[in-house]
């Protein structure tokens, strides 16, 4: 039986989250990003970040705000679609 994979329509920040991690020197791992967000008081796991980056999970506004803060970018930057 084949595994059915899906994409979440409307998740426009996944590629930018990945790019934001890559822009850090050294590049930030998903584990590092999850740790940063957890220290800010929101529970998130590396698996959730992976699913966001693969467009397999929606991102709520509070998560978008925390992702932007942890990556050192703006929410607007994360929502740009040309990544």
PDB file of N, CA and C in Angstrom:
ATOM      1  N   UNK A   1       0.833  -1.168   0.000  1.00  0.00           N
ATOM      2  CA  UNK A   1       0.000   0.000   0.000  1.00  0.00           C
ATOM      3  C   UNK A   1       0.887   1.243   0.000  1.00  0.00           C
ATOM      4  N   UNK A   2       0.635   2.159  -0.898  1.00  0.00           N
ATOM      5  CA  UNK A   2       1.438   3.372  -1.017  1.00  0.00           C
ATOM      6  C   UNK A   2       1.053   4.383   0.068  1.00  0.00           C
ATOM      7  N   UNK A   3       2.047   5.071   0.568  1.00  0.00           N
ATOM      8  CA  UNK A   3       1.811   6.121   1.552  1.00  0.00           C
ATOM      9  C   UNK A   3       1.396   7.378   0.804  1.00  0.00           C
ATOM     10  N   UNK A   4       0.282   7.951   1.217  1.00  0.00           N
ATOM     11  CA  UNK A   4      -0.208   9.165   0.575  1.00  0.00           C
ATOM     12  C   UNK A   4       0.384  10.374   1.300  1.00  0.00           C
ATOM     13  N   UNK A   5       1.095  11.209   0.573  1.00  0.00           N
ATOM     14  CA  UNK A   5       1.670  12.416   1.154  1.00  0.00           C
ATOM     15  C   UNK A   5       0.801  13.584   0.764  1.00  0.00           C
ATOM     16  N   UNK A   6       0.777  14.602   1.594  1.00  0.00           N
ATOM     17  CA  UNK A   6      -0.088  15.731   1.312  1.00  0.00           C
ATOM     18  C   UNK A   6       0.643  17.042   1.563  1.00  0.00           C
ATOM     19  N   UNK A   7       0.177  18.066   0.885  1.00  0.00           N
ATOM     20  CA  UNK A   7       0.666  19.419   1.091  1.00  0.00           C
ATOM     21  C   UNK A   7      -0.488  20.245   1.634  1.00  0.00           C
ATOM     22  N   UNK A   8      -0.183  21.153   2.521  1.00  0.00           N
ATOM     23  CA  UNK A   8      -1.193  22.013   3.098  1.00  0.00           C
ATOM     24  C   UNK A   8      -1.261  23.275   2.270  1.00  0.00           C
ATOM     25  N   UNK A   9      -2.366  23.495   1.598  1.00  0.00           N
ATOM     26  CA  UNK A   9      -2.511  24.714   0.825  1.00  0.00           C
ATOM     27  C   UNK A   9      -2.644  25.892   1.779  1.00  0.00           C
ATOM     28  N   UNK A  10      -1.971  26.962   1.458  1.00  0.00           N
ATOM     29  CA  UNK A  10      -2.056  28.148   2.286  1.00  0.00           C
ATOM     30  C   UNK A  10      -0.884  28.341   3.225  1.00  0.00           C
ATOM     31  N   UNK A  11      -0.037  27.337   3.389  1.00  0.00           N
ATOM     32  CA  UNK A  11       1.162  27.507   4.202  1.00  0.00           C
ATOM     33  C   UNK A  11       2.231  28.124   3.311  1.00  0.00           C
ATOM     34  N   UNK A  12       2.444  29.425   3.467  1.00  0.00           N
ATOM     35  CA  UNK A  12       3.396  30.117   2.593  1.00  0.00           C
ATOM     36  C   UNK A  12       4.730  30.395   3.276  1.00  0.00           C
ATOM     37  N   UNK A  13       4.873  29.993   4.537  1.00  0.00           N
ATOM     38  CA  UNK A  13       6.107  30.344   5.255  1.00  0.00           C
ATOM     39  C   UNK A  13       7.121  29.210   5.319  1.00  0.00           C
ATOM     40  N   UNK A  14       6.767  28.011   4.888  1.00  0.00           N
ATOM     41  CA  UNK A  14       7.666  26.856   5.046  1.00  0.00           C
ATOM     42  C   UNK A  14       9.036  27.039   4.434  1.00  0.00           C
ATOM     43  N   UNK A  15       9.074  27.495   3.192  1.00  0.00           N
ATOM     44  CA  UNK A  15      10.369  27.685   2.520  1.00  0.00           C
ATOM     45  C   UNK A  15      11.181  28.773   3.213  1.00  0.00           C
ATOM     46  N   UNK A  16      10.506  29.808   3.705  1.00  0.00           N
ATOM     47  CA  UNK A  16      11.212  30.890   4.387  1.00  0.00           C
ATOM     48  C   UNK A  16      11.729  30.470   5.759  1.00  0.00           C
ATOM     49  N   UNK A  17      11.032  29.585   6.439  1.00  0.00           N
ATOM     50  CA  UNK A  17      11.547  29.072   7.716  1.00  0.00           C
ATOM     51  C   UNK A  17      12.850  28.327   7.450  1.00  0.00           C
ATOM     52  N   UNK A  18      12.858  27.496   6.425  1.00  0.00           N
ATOM     53  CA  UNK A  18      14.075  26.752   6.057  1.00  0.00           C
ATOM     54  C   UNK A  18      15.198  27.726   5.684  1.00  0.00           C
ATOM     55  N   UNK A  19      14.882  28.741   4.874  1.00  0.00           N
ATOM     56  CA  UNK A  19      15.871  29.735   4.471  1.00  0.00           C
ATOM     57  C   UNK A  19      16.386  30.525   5.672  1.00  0.00           C
ATOM     58  N   UNK A  20      15.482  30.888   6.566  1.00  0.00           N
ATOM     59  CA  UNK A  20      15.882  31.619   7.773  1.00  0.00           C
ATOM     60  C   UNK A  20      16.859  30.826   8.627  1.00  0.00           C
ATOM     61  N   UNK A  21      16.652  29.519   8.725  1.00  0.00           N
ATOM     62  CA  UNK A  21      17.596  28.678   9.473  1.00  0.00           C
ATOM     63  C   UNK A  21      18.940  28.632   8.770  1.00  0.00           C
ATOM     64  N   UNK A  22      18.912  28.549   7.442  1.00  0.00           N
ATOM     65  CA  UNK A  22      20.149  28.439   6.658  1.00  0.00           C
ATOM     66  C   UNK A  22      20.972  29.722   6.702  1.00  0.00           C
ATOM     67  N   UNK A  23      20.320  30.868   6.914  1.00  0.00           N
ATOM     68  CA  UNK A  23      21.034  32.150   6.933  1.00  0.00           C
ATOM     69  C   UNK A  23      21.893  32.336   8.181  1.00  0.00           C
ATOM     70  N   UNK A  24      21.617  31.576   9.232  1.00  0.00           N
ATOM     71  CA  UNK A  24      22.425  31.668  10.453  1.00  0.00           C
ATOM     72  C   UNK A  24      23.795  31.061  10.204  1.00  0.00           C
ATOM     73  N   UNK A  25      24.784  31.587  10.874  1.00  0.00           N
ATOM     74  CA  UNK A  25      26.148  31.068  10.765  1.00  0.00           C
ATOM     75  C   UNK A  25      26.602  30.566  12.123  1.00  0.00           C
ATOM     76  N   UNK A  26      26.791  29.276  12.328  1.00  0.00           N
ATOM     77  CA  UNK A  26      26.473  28.190  11.406  1.00  0.00           C
ATOM     78  C   UNK A  26      24.959  28.049  11.246  1.00  0.00           C
ATOM     79  N   UNK A  27      24.527  27.338  10.202  1.00  0.00           N
ATOM     80  CA  UNK A  27      23.090  27.169   9.994  1.00  0.00           C
ATOM     81  C   UNK A  27      22.408  26.583  11.236  1.00  0.00           C
ATOM     82  N   UNK A  28      21.223  27.083  11.526  1.00  0.00           N
ATOM     83  CA  UNK A  28      20.454  26.636  12.686  1.00  0.00           C
ATOM     84  C   UNK A  28      19.744  25.324  12.335  1.00  0.00           C
ATOM     85  N   UNK A  29      19.882  24.351  13.192  1.00  0.00           N
ATOM     86  CA  UNK A  29      19.186  23.076  12.995  1.00  0.00           C
ATOM     87  C   UNK A  29      17.733  23.206  13.460  1.00  0.00           C
ATOM     88  N   UNK A  30      16.888  22.313  13.024  1.00  0.00           N
ATOM     89  CA  UNK A  30      15.491  22.317  13.482  1.00  0.00           C
ATOM     90  C   UNK A  30      15.430  22.156  14.992  1.00  0.00           C
ATOM     91  N   UNK A  31      16.331  21.376  15.553  1.00  0.00           N
ATOM     92  CA  UNK A  31      16.384  21.180  17.001  1.00  0.00           C
ATOM     93  C   UNK A  31      16.706  22.489  17.716  1.00  0.00           C
ATOM     94  N   UNK A  32      17.630  23.271  17.135  1.00  0.00           N
ATOM     95  CA  UNK A  32      18.005  24.558  17.730  1.00  0.00           C
ATOM     96  C   UNK A  32      16.839  25.539  17.694  1.00  0.00           C
ATOM     97  N   UNK A  33      16.135  25.579  16.568  1.00  0.00           N
ATOM     98  CA  UNK A  33      14.996  26.474  16.436  1.00  0.00           C
ATOM     99  C   UNK A  33      13.899  26.087  17.419  1.00  0.00           C
ATOM    100  N   UNK A  34      13.627  24.806  17.542  1.00  0.00           N
ATOM    101  CA  UNK A  34      12.623  24.337  18.501  1.00  0.00           C
ATOM    102  C   UNK A  34      13.014  24.729  19.915  1.00  0.00           C
ATOM    103  N   UNK A  35      14.280  24.580  20.265  1.00  0.00           N
ATOM    104  CA  UNK A  35      14.754  24.934  21.607  1.00  0.00           C
ATOM    105  C   UNK A  35      14.553  26.427  21.869  1.00  0.00           C
ATOM    106  N   UNK A  36      14.905  27.261  20.898  1.00  0.00           N
ATOM    107  CA  UNK A  36      14.734  28.717  21.045  1.00  0.00           C
ATOM    108  C   UNK A  36      13.273  29.076  21.311  1.00  0.00           C
ATOM    109  N   UNK A  37      12.382  28.482  20.542  1.00  0.00           N
ATOM    110  CA  UNK A  37      10.953  28.776  20.695  1.00  0.00           C
ATOM    111  C   UNK A  37      10.435  28.249  22.025  1.00  0.00           C
ATOM    112  N   UNK A  38      10.900  27.072  22.443  1.00  0.00           N
ATOM    113  CA  UNK A  38      10.507  26.541  23.750  1.00  0.00           C
ATOM    114  C   UNK A  38      10.957  27.467  24.871  1.00  0.00           C
ATOM    115  N   UNK A  39      12.160  28.037  24.747  1.00  0.00           N
ATOM    116  CA  UNK A  39      12.658  28.967  25.768  1.00  0.00           C
ATOM    117  C   UNK A  39      11.828  30.246  25.821  1.00  0.00           C
ATOM    118  N   UNK A  40      11.154  30.581  24.725  1.00  0.00           N
ATOM    119  CA  UNK A  40      10.281  31.757  24.691  1.00  0.00           C
ATOM    120  C   UNK A  40       8.885  31.441  25.234  1.00  0.00           C
ATOM    121  N   UNK A  41       8.654  30.178  25.571  1.00  0.00           N
ATOM    122  CA  UNK A  41       7.401  29.818  26.225  1.00  0.00           C
ATOM    123  C   UNK A  41       6.370  29.117  25.359  1.00  0.00           C
ATOM    124  N   UNK A  42       6.725  28.760  24.136  1.00  0.00           N
ATOM    125  CA  UNK A  42       5.785  28.031  23.276  1.00  0.00           C
ATOM    126  C   UNK A  42       6.340  26.646  23.013  1.00  0.00           C
ATOM    127  N   UNK A  43       5.510  25.641  23.185  1.00  0.00           N
ATOM    128  CA  UNK A  43       5.956  24.266  22.965  1.00  0.00           C
ATOM    129  C   UNK A  43       5.901  23.937  21.480  1.00  0.00           C
ATOM    130  N   UNK A  44       7.048  23.571  20.946  1.00  0.00           N
ATOM    131  CA  UNK A  44       7.157  23.164  19.541  1.00  0.00           C
ATOM    132  C   UNK A  44       8.294  22.149  19.448  1.00  0.00           C
ATOM    133  N   UNK A  45       8.187  21.229  18.536  1.00  0.00           N
ATOM    134  CA  UNK A  45       9.194  20.173  18.397  1.00  0.00           C
ATOM    135  C   UNK A  45       9.885  20.286  17.037  1.00  0.00           C
ATOM    136  N   UNK A  46      11.044  19.666  16.904  1.00  0.00           N
ATOM    137  CA  UNK A  46      11.687  19.629  15.586  1.00  0.00           C
ATOM    138  C   UNK A  46      10.797  18.988  14.522  1.00  0.00           C
ATOM    139  N   UNK A  47       9.978  18.005  14.902  1.00  0.00           N
ATOM    140  CA  UNK A  47       9.068  17.373  13.951  1.00  0.00           C
ATOM    141  C   UNK A  47       8.040  18.377  13.427  1.00  0.00           C
ATOM    142  N   UNK A  48       7.532  19.225  14.295  1.00  0.00           N
ATOM    143  CA  UNK A  48       6.579  20.254  13.865  1.00  0.00           C
ATOM    144  C   UNK A  48       7.254  21.200  12.887  1.00  0.00           C
ATOM    145  N   UNK A  49       8.477  21.616  13.181  1.00  0.00           N
ATOM    146  CA  UNK A  49       9.203  22.510  12.277  1.00  0.00           C
ATOM    147  C   UNK A  49       9.424  21.828  10.926  1.00  0.00           C
ATOM    148  N   UNK A  50       9.778  20.558  10.953  1.00  0.00           N
ATOM    149  CA  UNK A  50       9.956  19.806   9.710  1.00  0.00           C
ATOM    150  C   UNK A  50       8.663  19.789   8.900  1.00  0.00           C
ATOM    151  N   UNK A  51       7.548  19.545   9.548  1.00  0.00           N
ATOM    152  CA  UNK A  51       6.262  19.497   8.845  1.00  0.00           C
ATOM    153  C   UNK A  51       5.878  20.868   8.297  1.00  0.00           C
ATOM    154  N   UNK A  52       6.208  21.936   9.024  1.00  0.00           N
ATOM    155  CA  UNK A  52       5.956  23.290   8.522  1.00  0.00           C
ATOM    156  C   UNK A  52       6.780  23.525   7.262  1.00  0.00           C
ATOM    157  N   UNK A  53       8.059  23.176   7.302  1.00  0.00           N
ATOM    158  CA  UNK A  53       8.950  23.389   6.167  1.00  0.00           C
ATOM    159  C   UNK A  53       8.539  22.572   4.941  1.00  0.00           C
ATOM    160  N   UNK A  54       7.903  21.436   5.156  1.00  0.00           N
ATOM    161  CA  UNK A  54       7.460  20.579   4.054  1.00  0.00           C
ATOM    162  C   UNK A  54       6.028  20.882   3.626  1.00  0.00           C
ATOM    163  N   UNK A  55       5.447  21.956   4.178  1.00  0.00           N
ATOM    164  CA  UNK A  55       4.057  22.340   3.893  1.00  0.00           C
ATOM    165  C   UNK A  55       3.071  21.221   4.229  1.00  0.00           C
ATOM    166  N   UNK A  56       3.333  20.531   5.322  1.00  0.00           N
ATOM    167  CA  UNK A  56       2.446  19.467   5.784  1.00  0.00           C
ATOM    168  C   UNK A  56       1.674  19.883   7.028  1.00  0.00           C
ATOM    169  N   UNK A  57       1.839  21.147   7.437  1.00  0.00           N
ATOM    170  CA  UNK A  57       1.170  21.637   8.650  1.00  0.00           C
ATOM    171  C   UNK A  57       0.918  23.131   8.513  1.00  0.00           C
ATOM    172  N   UNK A  58      -0.277  23.544   8.944  1.00  0.00           N
ATOM    173  CA  UNK A  58      -0.586  24.970   8.979  1.00  0.00           C
ATOM    174  C   UNK A  58       0.170  25.638  10.121  1.00  0.00           C
ATOM    175  N   UNK A  59       0.373  26.933  10.008  1.00  0.00           N
ATOM    176  CA  UNK A  59       1.052  27.719  11.040  1.00  0.00           C
ATOM    177  C   UNK A  59       0.071  28.766  11.544  1.00  0.00           C
ATOM    178  N   UNK A  60      -0.172  28.772  12.845  1.00  0.00           N
ATOM    179  CA  UNK A  60      -1.067  29.797  13.395  1.00  0.00           C
ATOM    180  C   UNK A  60      -0.275  31.090  13.599  1.00  0.00           C
ATOM    181  N   UNK A  61      -0.989  32.176  13.819  1.00  0.00           N
ATOM    182  CA  UNK A  61      -0.335  33.478  13.927  1.00  0.00           C
ATOM    183  C   UNK A  61       0.656  33.555  15.085  1.00  0.00           C
ATOM    184  N   UNK A  62       0.331  32.940  16.216  1.00  0.00           N
ATOM    185  CA  UNK A  62       1.242  32.965  17.366  1.00  0.00           C
ATOM    186  C   UNK A  62       2.537  32.209  17.042  1.00  0.00           C
ATOM    187  N   UNK A  63       2.425  31.102  16.322  1.00  0.00           N
ATOM    188  CA  UNK A  63       3.618  30.355  15.927  1.00  0.00           C
ATOM    189  C   UNK A  63       4.448  31.148  14.932  1.00  0.00           C
ATOM    190  N   UNK A  64       3.785  31.831  14.001  1.00  0.00           N
ATOM    191  CA  UNK A  64       4.495  32.654  13.032  1.00  0.00           C
ATOM    192  C   UNK A  64       5.303  33.738  13.738  1.00  0.00           C
ATOM    193  N   UNK A  65       4.702  34.339  14.743  1.00  0.00           N
ATOM    194  CA  UNK A  65       5.390  35.384  15.518  1.00  0.00           C
ATOM    195  C   UNK A  65       6.623  34.817  16.222  1.00  0.00           C
ATOM    196  N   UNK A  66       6.491  33.645  16.836  1.00  0.00           N
ATOM    197  CA  UNK A  66       7.619  33.026  17.536  1.00  0.00           C
ATOM    198  C   UNK A  66       8.703  32.575  16.570  1.00  0.00           C
ATOM    199  N   UNK A  67       8.307  32.019  15.429  1.00  0.00           N
ATOM    200  CA  UNK A  67       9.290  31.612  14.422  1.00  0.00           C
ATOM    201  C   UNK A  67      10.098  32.816  13.956  1.00  0.00           C
ATOM    202  N   UNK A  68       9.412  33.920  13.678  1.00  0.00           N
ATOM    203  CA  UNK A  68      10.101  35.132  13.234  1.00  0.00           C
ATOM    204  C   UNK A  68      11.076  35.628  14.289  1.00  0.00           C
ATOM    205  N   UNK A  69      10.632  35.674  15.528  1.00  0.00           N
ATOM    206  CA  UNK A  69      11.493  36.166  16.617  1.00  0.00           C
ATOM    207  C   UNK A  69      12.724  35.271  16.790  1.00  0.00           C
ATOM    208  N   UNK A  70      12.518  33.967  16.781  1.00  0.00           N
ATOM    209  CA  UNK A  70      13.631  33.029  16.975  1.00  0.00           C
ATOM    210  C   UNK A  70      14.615  33.076  15.816  1.00  0.00           C
ATOM    211  N   UNK A  71      14.120  33.344  14.618  1.00  0.00           N
ATOM    212  CA  UNK A  71      14.993  33.400  13.437  1.00  0.00           C
ATOM    213  C   UNK A  71      15.603  34.782  13.231  1.00  0.00           C
ATOM    214  N   UNK A  72      15.108  35.793  13.953  1.00  0.00           N
ATOM    215  CA  UNK A  72      15.632  37.152  13.800  1.00  0.00           C
ATOM    216  C   UNK A  72      15.166  37.819  12.522  1.00  0.00           C
ATOM    217  N   UNK A  73      13.948  37.491  12.089  1.00  0.00           N
ATOM    218  CA  UNK A  73      13.370  38.077  10.879  1.00  0.00           C
ATOM    219  C   UNK A  73      11.985  38.618  11.230  1.00  0.00           C
ATOM    220  N   UNK A  74      11.334  39.240  10.262  1.00  0.00           N
ATOM    221  CA  UNK A  74       9.983  39.746  10.495  1.00  0.00           C
ATOM    222  C   UNK A  74       8.952  38.708  10.048  1.00  0.00           C
ATOM    223  N   UNK A  75       7.751  38.870  10.550  1.00  0.00           N
ATOM    224  CA  UNK A  75       6.654  38.015  10.105  1.00  0.00           C
ATOM    225  C   UNK A  75       6.381  38.246   8.623  1.00  0.00           C
ATOM    226  N   UNK A  76       6.498  39.489   8.186  1.00  0.00           N
ATOM    227  CA  UNK A  76       6.294  39.799   6.763  1.00  0.00           C
ATOM    228  C   UNK A  76       7.287  39.033   5.904  1.00  0.00           C
ATOM    229  N   UNK A  77       8.553  38.998   6.340  1.00  0.00           N
ATOM    230  CA  UNK A  77       9.579  38.288   5.569  1.00  0.00           C
ATOM    231  C   UNK A  77       9.224  36.806   5.454  1.00  0.00           C
ATOM    232  N   UNK A  78       8.754  36.216   6.558  1.00  0.00           N
ATOM    233  CA  UNK A  78       8.395  34.803   6.526  1.00  0.00           C
ATOM    234  C   UNK A  78       7.242  34.517   5.563  1.00  0.00           C
ATOM    235  N   UNK A  79       6.406  35.516   5.324  1.00  0.00           N
ATOM    236  CA  UNK A  79       5.228  35.324   4.472  1.00  0.00           C
ATOM    237  C   UNK A  79       5.473  35.656   3.001  1.00  0.00           C
ATOM    238  N   UNK A  80       6.661  36.127   2.666  1.00  0.00           N
ATOM    239  CA  UNK A  80       6.956  36.369   1.262  1.00  0.00           C
ATOM    240  C   UNK A  80       7.055  35.036   0.533  1.00  0.00           C
ATOM    241  N   UNK A  81       6.481  34.970  -0.641  1.00  0.00           N
ATOM    242  CA  UNK A  81       6.361  33.695  -1.343  1.00  0.00           C
ATOM    243  C   UNK A  81       7.463  33.409  -2.342  1.00  0.00           C
ATOM    244  N   UNK A  82       8.436  34.284  -2.496  1.00  0.00           N
ATOM    245  CA  UNK A  82       9.459  34.090  -3.526  1.00  0.00           C
ATOM    246  C   UNK A  82      10.687  33.339  -3.049  1.00  0.00           C
ATOM    247  N   UNK A  83      10.587  32.638  -1.925  1.00  0.00           N
ATOM    248  CA  UNK A  83      11.744  31.916  -1.388  1.00  0.00           C
ATOM    249  C   UNK A  83      12.032  30.675  -2.189  1.00  0.00           C
TER     250      UNK A  83
END
